[in-house]
Amino acid sequence: MSVSPFLVIAVVSGALVGLGAFLLIREAIPATPALAPALHRLHQSPAAARAGTGGLDWLTGLSRYLRPPHKELALLGRTPEQYTLSLVLSGLIGLAIPPVLTAALSLLGLSLPFVLPTVTGLGLAFVFMFVAHRDVLAKAEKARREFTQAVCTYLDLVALQLSAAHGPVQSLERAAEVCDGWVFERLREALRIAQMQMHAPWDELRDLSEQIGVPELGDVGAIVQASGTEGAQVHETLRMRADSLRDQIRTDNLTRAEAITSRLDVPGAMLVFVLVGFVMFPFLARI
């Protein structure tokens, strides 16, 4: 008794879809919070924190081969395991679409060569994984611009706190409490970690800037460190750095706007050629 290849394709497609649904449900269910491991993670080294992945060891091993963008993921608050899982799920969805469509066509009496859904599935899997990767990079780029703009505001707030005769550490903490938003939440979290681990806050801000790839945040720590270690009056330096950062943001926005405008020239030129073709067609048809 021969087994129909379409039945095999349908079974494999159903298994892949079921596996993807299982992984999604497993990651969506919140785990029971444990206080002891959370306190332990606050005082362990970064290498140990990356090693403690629990039941996601296979994702950790796979992420080493995929080489995830660590700075972009840290900026978005994601782990390399989550990035790897998103790529795997995207690839499985792209791989399962052609077999599912082939099985649906077979029910309608239409048959396709076995090679076609296989090759198409592999191609769609690669495309879906590439799209998921580019989506992470695009979101990180947008988040980095937003973070840089918030750092510009943070510079002004720290300068105001220093002008009000507050200490450097207190100025950093009070300035971070003024505004809301995810950027200032990250700043407050970094300052809390520095306070709990008895680290200098500017060192923690510098580490955060290197981790997420926002060097402007490290400038805040470096400038305020001069006030804390050398007793320098740096509020004017902070304001000058804020003005310089605003000029840089304005220049970047103009450059990006010019690039978008230049890309619009191609569709405009194509439209001109189409209109010229419509105008010239009656004359050319009479020749």
Foldseek 3Di string as FASTA:
>chain_A
DDDDVLVVLVVVLVVLVVVLVVVVVVVPDDDDDDDVVVVVVLPDDPVVVLVPPPPLVVLSVVLVVVVAPQLLCVLVVHDSSVLSSQLVSQLSVLLSVLSVVQSVVVVVVDHDDPVVSRVRSNVSSVVSSVVSRVVSVVVSVVSLLVLLLVLLQLLLQLLVCVVVVDALLVSQQVSLVPDDDPNSVVLNVLSVSCVVVVHDSLVSQCVNCVRNVRCSSNVSSVQSVCCVPVVDNCSVVSNVSSVVSVVVSVVVVVVVVVVVVVVVVVVVVVVVVVVVCVVCVVVVVVD
